[in-house]
Amino acid sequence: MYMKADPEEAWEKLRASRANPPGKAGGGARRKSYAAALEQAEQMFRAAATVGPATRPLQVFYGLSQAGRAIAATAVDLKGEDWRLDGHGIRASATSPSPTSRFAPTPRHRGAASCG
């Protein structure tokens, strides 16, 4: 049975996760990056819902970029400074993204939001 997701409920749960971040974002710089990126992602996605069609893709792109940075900050398999993304670029390991797809930066593409 398919249930429609409630965006407000989802953002509420994500905001609550800032107090106790998942994965490796439990403390220090990762925790700060997770909280800041999550806040910026929410603001970008909310802005995208209110702007016109010419600007909306930019807001969504940068919201996705910040969401990618939050994900990287929590990633258990990213060691050392690999979680610190620079530039733009998320790559999906699956040929077509799905809820079970795994997103991770690659050595050549350490950014957070372009498709490639």
N, C-alpha and C. Protein backbone atom coordinates (compact mmCIF):
# COMPACT_ATOMS: atom_id res chain seq x y z
N MET A 1 0.84 -1.17 0.00
CA MET A 1 0.00 0.00 0.00
C MET A 1 0.89 1.25 0.00
N TYR A 2 0.62 2.15 -0.88
CA TYR A 2 1.39 3.39 -1.00
C TYR A 2 0.78 4.47 -0.12
N MET A 3 1.62 5.09 0.69
CA MET A 3 1.17 6.21 1.52
C MET A 3 1.89 7.46 1.07
N LYS A 4 1.15 8.52 0.87
CA LYS A 4 1.76 9.78 0.47
C LYS A 4 2.57 10.35 1.63
N ALA A 5 3.79 10.75 1.31
CA ALA A 5 4.69 11.31 2.34
C ALA A 5 4.25 12.72 2.70
N ASP A 6 4.38 13.05 3.95
CA ASP A 6 4.07 14.40 4.43
C ASP A 6 5.39 15.16 4.53
N PRO A 7 5.62 16.15 3.63
CA PRO A 7 6.90 16.88 3.65
C PRO A 7 7.19 17.54 4.99
N GLU A 8 6.19 18.09 5.63
CA GLU A 8 6.41 18.75 6.92
C GLU A 8 6.90 17.76 7.96
N GLU A 9 6.31 16.58 7.96
CA GLU A 9 6.72 15.54 8.91
C GLU A 9 8.15 15.10 8.61
N ALA A 10 8.49 14.97 7.33
CA ALA A 10 9.84 14.56 6.96
C ALA A 10 10.86 15.61 7.40
N TRP A 11 10.58 16.89 7.15
CA TRP A 11 11.52 17.95 7.57
C TRP A 11 11.62 18.01 9.08
N GLU A 12 10.52 17.77 9.77
CA GLU A 12 10.55 17.77 11.24
C GLU A 12 11.49 16.68 11.75
N LYS A 13 11.41 15.50 11.16
CA LYS A 13 12.29 14.40 11.57
C LYS A 13 13.75 14.71 11.23
N LEU A 14 13.98 15.30 10.06
CA LEU A 14 15.35 15.66 9.69
C LEU A 14 15.90 16.73 10.62
N ARG A 15 15.09 17.74 10.94
CA ARG A 15 15.55 18.78 11.88
C ARG A 15 15.90 18.17 13.23
N ALA A 16 15.10 17.23 13.69
CA ALA A 16 15.36 16.58 14.97
C ALA A 16 16.66 15.78 14.93
N SER A 17 17.03 15.28 13.75
CA SER A 17 18.26 14.49 13.65
C SER A 17 19.52 15.33 13.84
N ARG A 18 19.39 16.65 13.76
CA ARG A 18 20.57 17.50 13.97
C ARG A 18 21.10 17.38 15.40
N ALA A 19 20.22 17.11 16.34
CA ALA A 19 20.63 16.97 17.74
C ALA A 19 21.42 15.68 17.96
N ASN A 20 21.11 14.65 17.19
CA ASN A 20 21.79 13.36 17.31
C ASN A 20 21.97 12.80 15.90
N PRO A 21 22.94 13.33 15.13
CA PRO A 21 23.10 12.93 13.73
C PRO A 21 23.40 11.45 13.57
N PRO A 22 22.95 10.88 12.47
CA PRO A 22 23.21 9.46 12.21
C PRO A 22 24.65 9.23 11.75
N GLY A 23 25.04 7.98 11.70
CA GLY A 23 26.33 7.59 11.14
C GLY A 23 27.51 8.24 11.82
N LYS A 24 28.42 8.75 11.02
CA LYS A 24 29.68 9.32 11.50
C LYS A 24 29.58 10.80 11.86
N ALA A 25 28.40 11.39 11.78
CA ALA A 25 28.28 12.83 12.03
C ALA A 25 28.01 13.14 13.50
N GLY A 26 28.44 12.28 14.38
CA GLY A 26 28.16 12.43 15.80
C GLY A 26 28.87 13.58 16.49
N GLY A 27 29.94 14.08 15.95
CA GLY A 27 30.65 15.15 16.64
C GLY A 27 31.58 15.92 15.74
N GLY A 28 32.07 17.02 16.25
CA GLY A 28 33.07 17.82 15.55
C GLY A 28 32.60 18.44 14.26
N ALA A 29 33.53 18.49 13.30
CA ALA A 29 33.27 19.14 12.02
C ALA A 29 32.17 18.45 11.22
N ARG A 30 32.11 17.13 11.30
CA ARG A 30 31.06 16.41 10.58
C ARG A 30 29.68 16.80 11.09
N ARG A 31 29.56 16.92 12.39
CA ARG A 31 28.27 17.28 12.98
C ARG A 31 27.86 18.69 12.55
N LYS A 32 28.81 19.61 12.59
CA LYS A 32 28.52 20.99 12.18
C LYS A 32 28.15 21.05 10.71
N SER A 33 28.87 20.32 9.87
CA SER A 33 28.57 20.30 8.44
C SER A 33 27.21 19.69 8.18
N TYR A 34 26.90 18.61 8.88
CA TYR A 34 25.60 17.95 8.72
C TYR A 34 24.47 18.93 9.05
N ALA A 35 24.57 19.58 10.20
CA ALA A 35 23.51 20.50 10.63
C ALA A 35 23.37 21.68 9.67
N ALA A 36 24.49 22.26 9.25
CA ALA A 36 24.43 23.42 8.35
C ALA A 36 23.90 23.02 6.98
N ALA A 37 24.38 21.91 6.45
CA ALA A 37 23.94 21.47 5.12
C ALA A 37 22.46 21.11 5.12
N LEU A 38 22.01 20.48 6.19
CA LEU A 38 20.60 20.12 6.29
C LEU A 38 19.72 21.36 6.35
N GLU A 39 20.14 22.35 7.12
CA GLU A 39 19.40 23.61 7.21
C GLU A 39 19.33 24.30 5.85
N GLN A 40 20.46 24.35 5.15
CA GLN A 40 20.49 25.01 3.85
C GLN A 40 19.67 24.23 2.82
N ALA A 41 19.72 22.91 2.87
CA ALA A 41 18.92 22.10 1.96
C ALA A 41 17.44 22.40 2.16
N GLU A 42 17.01 22.42 3.41
CA GLU A 42 15.60 22.71 3.68
C GLU A 42 15.22 24.09 3.15
N GLN A 43 16.05 25.08 3.39
CA GLN A 43 15.74 26.42 2.91
C GLN A 43 15.68 26.48 1.39
N MET A 44 16.60 25.81 0.72
CA MET A 44 16.59 25.79 -0.75
C MET A 44 15.34 25.11 -1.30
N PHE A 45 14.98 23.96 -0.72
CA PHE A 45 13.80 23.25 -1.21
C PHE A 45 12.52 24.06 -0.92
N ARG A 46 12.46 24.70 0.23
CA ARG A 46 11.29 25.54 0.53
C ARG A 46 11.23 26.73 -0.43
N ALA A 47 12.38 27.32 -0.72
CA ALA A 47 12.41 28.43 -1.68
C ALA A 47 11.96 27.96 -3.06
N ALA A 48 12.37 26.76 -3.45
CA ALA A 48 11.99 26.22 -4.76
C ALA A 48 10.48 26.10 -4.90
N ALA A 49 9.81 25.85 -3.79
CA ALA A 49 8.35 25.70 -3.82
C ALA A 49 7.64 27.04 -4.02
N THR A 50 8.36 28.15 -3.84
CA THR A 50 7.70 29.45 -3.91
C THR A 50 8.12 30.29 -5.11
N VAL A 51 9.15 29.88 -5.84
CA VAL A 51 9.63 30.69 -6.97
C VAL A 51 9.05 30.17 -8.28
N GLY A 52 9.24 30.94 -9.32
CA GLY A 52 8.73 30.57 -10.63
C GLY A 52 9.54 29.47 -11.29
N PRO A 53 9.04 28.97 -12.41
CA PRO A 53 9.69 27.84 -13.09
C PRO A 53 11.08 28.16 -13.65
N ALA A 54 11.39 29.40 -13.89
CA ALA A 54 12.72 29.74 -14.41
C ALA A 54 13.80 29.62 -13.34
N THR A 55 13.45 29.84 -12.09
CA THR A 55 14.41 29.81 -10.99
C THR A 55 14.36 28.50 -10.21
N ARG A 56 13.25 27.83 -10.24
CA ARG A 56 13.07 26.61 -9.44
C ARG A 56 14.18 25.57 -9.63
N PRO A 57 14.63 25.27 -10.85
CA PRO A 57 15.69 24.26 -10.99
C PRO A 57 16.97 24.62 -10.24
N LEU A 58 17.30 25.89 -10.18
CA LEU A 58 18.50 26.30 -9.44
C LEU A 58 18.34 26.03 -7.95
N GLN A 59 17.18 26.35 -7.42
CA GLN A 59 16.94 26.12 -6.00
C GLN A 59 16.98 24.63 -5.69
N VAL A 60 16.37 23.82 -6.55
CA VAL A 60 16.37 22.37 -6.33
C VAL A 60 17.80 21.83 -6.44
N PHE A 61 18.56 22.29 -7.43
CA PHE A 61 19.94 21.84 -7.61
C PHE A 61 20.76 22.12 -6.35
N TYR A 62 20.69 23.34 -5.83
CA TYR A 62 21.48 23.67 -4.65
C TYR A 62 20.93 23.02 -3.38
N GLY A 63 19.63 22.77 -3.34
CA GLY A 63 19.07 21.99 -2.23
C GLY A 63 19.62 20.58 -2.24
N LEU A 64 19.69 19.98 -3.45
CA LEU A 64 20.26 18.65 -3.59
C LEU A 64 21.74 18.65 -3.24
N SER A 65 22.44 19.71 -3.62
CA SER A 65 23.86 19.82 -3.28
C SER A 65 24.06 19.79 -1.77
N GLN A 66 23.25 20.56 -1.05
CA GLN A 66 23.38 20.59 0.40
C GLN A 66 22.94 19.27 1.03
N ALA A 67 21.91 18.65 0.48
CA ALA A 67 21.49 17.34 0.99
C ALA A 67 22.62 16.33 0.80
N GLY A 68 23.31 16.40 -0.33
CA GLY A 68 24.45 15.52 -0.58
C GLY A 68 25.56 15.72 0.43
N ARG A 69 25.79 16.97 0.81
CA ARG A 69 26.82 17.26 1.82
C ARG A 69 26.41 16.69 3.18
N ALA A 70 25.14 16.78 3.50
CA ALA A 70 24.66 16.19 4.77
C ALA A 70 24.83 14.68 4.76
N ILE A 71 24.50 14.06 3.64
CA ILE A 71 24.65 12.61 3.52
C ILE A 71 26.12 12.22 3.66
N ALA A 72 27.00 12.95 2.98
CA ALA A 72 28.43 12.64 3.04
C ALA A 72 28.96 12.77 4.47
N ALA A 73 28.46 13.76 5.20
CA ALA A 73 28.93 13.97 6.57
C ALA A 73 28.57 12.78 7.47
N THR A 74 27.52 12.05 7.13
CA THR A 74 27.10 10.92 7.95
C THR A 74 27.65 9.58 7.45
N ALA A 75 28.22 9.57 6.26
CA ALA A 75 28.64 8.31 5.63
C ALA A 75 29.73 7.60 6.42
N VAL A 76 29.42 6.41 6.85
CA VAL A 76 30.35 5.60 7.65
C VAL A 76 31.53 5.15 6.81
N ASP A 77 31.31 4.89 5.52
CA ASP A 77 32.39 4.36 4.69
C ASP A 77 33.32 5.43 4.12
N LEU A 78 33.09 6.70 4.41
CA LEU A 78 34.00 7.75 3.98
C LEU A 78 35.00 8.02 5.10
N LYS A 79 36.24 7.74 4.83
CA LYS A 79 37.29 7.84 5.84
C LYS A 79 38.05 9.16 5.72
N GLY A 80 38.75 9.52 6.78
CA GLY A 80 39.57 10.74 6.78
C GLY A 80 38.77 11.97 6.41
N GLU A 81 39.24 12.67 5.41
CA GLU A 81 38.59 13.90 4.97
C GLU A 81 37.73 13.69 3.72
N ASP A 82 37.53 12.44 3.31
CA ASP A 82 36.76 12.16 2.10
C ASP A 82 35.31 12.64 2.19
N TRP A 83 34.80 12.82 3.38
CA TRP A 83 33.42 13.28 3.54
C TRP A 83 33.29 14.76 3.20
N ARG A 84 34.40 15.50 3.21
CA ARG A 84 34.37 16.93 2.88
C ARG A 84 34.29 17.08 1.37
N LEU A 85 33.12 17.41 0.87
CA LEU A 85 32.93 17.52 -0.56
C LEU A 85 33.35 18.89 -1.05
N ASP A 86 33.90 18.92 -2.26
CA ASP A 86 34.21 20.20 -2.88
C ASP A 86 33.67 20.17 -4.31
N GLY A 87 33.25 21.28 -4.78
CA GLY A 87 32.67 21.33 -6.12
C GLY A 87 31.27 20.76 -6.13
N HIS A 88 30.85 20.32 -7.30
CA HIS A 88 29.50 19.80 -7.50
C HIS A 88 29.60 18.41 -8.10
N GLY A 89 28.78 17.50 -7.64
CA GLY A 89 28.70 16.19 -8.25
C GLY A 89 28.29 15.08 -7.31
N ILE A 90 27.11 14.54 -7.51
CA ILE A 90 26.69 13.30 -6.86
C ILE A 90 26.58 12.28 -7.98
N ARG A 91 27.06 11.11 -7.74
CA ARG A 91 26.93 10.05 -8.73
C ARG A 91 26.14 8.92 -8.11
N ALA A 92 25.20 8.40 -8.85
CA ALA A 92 24.41 7.26 -8.39
C ALA A 92 25.10 5.99 -8.84
N SER A 93 25.23 5.01 -7.95
CA SER A 93 25.85 3.75 -8.33
C SER A 93 24.88 2.88 -9.11
N ALA A 94 23.59 3.18 -9.02
CA ALA A 94 22.59 2.44 -9.79
C ALA A 94 22.36 3.18 -11.11
N THR A 95 21.94 2.45 -12.14
CA THR A 95 21.72 3.10 -13.43
C THR A 95 20.50 4.02 -13.39
N SER A 96 19.52 3.70 -12.59
CA SER A 96 18.38 4.61 -12.42
C SER A 96 18.14 4.79 -10.93
N PRO A 97 18.23 6.03 -10.44
CA PRO A 97 18.08 6.27 -9.00
C PRO A 97 16.74 5.76 -8.47
N SER A 98 16.78 5.18 -7.32
CA SER A 98 15.58 4.71 -6.64
C SER A 98 15.81 4.89 -5.15
N PRO A 99 14.78 4.68 -4.33
CA PRO A 99 14.98 4.83 -2.88
C PRO A 99 16.07 3.92 -2.33
N THR A 100 16.39 2.84 -3.04
CA THR A 100 17.43 1.94 -2.54
C THR A 100 18.78 2.18 -3.20
N SER A 101 18.86 3.17 -4.10
CA SER A 101 20.14 3.49 -4.73
C SER A 101 21.10 4.02 -3.69
N ARG A 102 22.38 3.83 -3.95
CA ARG A 102 23.41 4.33 -3.06
C ARG A 102 24.09 5.51 -3.73
N PHE A 103 24.18 6.62 -3.03
CA PHE A 103 24.83 7.81 -3.55
C PHE A 103 26.11 8.02 -2.78
N ALA A 104 27.20 8.22 -3.50
CA ALA A 104 28.49 8.44 -2.84
C ALA A 104 29.41 9.22 -3.75
N PRO A 105 30.27 10.06 -3.17
CA PRO A 105 31.25 10.75 -3.99
C PRO A 105 32.29 9.77 -4.50
N THR A 106 32.87 10.07 -5.63
CA THR A 106 33.92 9.24 -6.17
C THR A 106 35.21 10.04 -6.13
N PRO A 107 36.37 9.38 -6.20
CA PRO A 107 37.64 10.12 -6.09
C PRO A 107 37.77 11.27 -7.09
N ARG A 108 37.30 11.11 -8.31
CA ARG A 108 37.40 12.18 -9.29
C ARG A 108 36.31 13.22 -9.12
N HIS A 109 35.18 12.84 -8.57
CA HIS A 109 34.03 13.72 -8.42
C HIS A 109 33.66 13.83 -6.96
N ARG A 110 34.21 14.81 -6.28
CA ARG A 110 33.99 14.91 -4.84
C ARG A 110 32.97 15.98 -4.51
N GLY A 111 32.14 16.35 -5.44
CA GLY A 111 31.14 17.37 -5.17
C GLY A 111 29.87 16.77 -4.65
N ALA A 112 28.82 17.59 -4.58
CA ALA A 112 27.60 17.12 -3.95
C ALA A 112 26.35 17.17 -4.79
N ALA A 113 26.34 17.66 -6.03
CA ALA A 113 25.03 17.72 -6.68
C ALA A 113 24.92 17.65 -8.18
N SER A 114 25.90 17.42 -8.96
CA SER A 114 25.62 17.30 -10.39
C SER A 114 25.46 15.84 -10.75
N CYS A 115 24.81 15.59 -11.83
CA CYS A 115 24.61 14.22 -12.28
C CYS A 115 25.77 13.84 -13.17
N GLY A 116 26.21 12.62 -13.09
CA GLY A 116 27.33 12.27 -13.95
C GLY A 116 27.60 10.86 -14.12
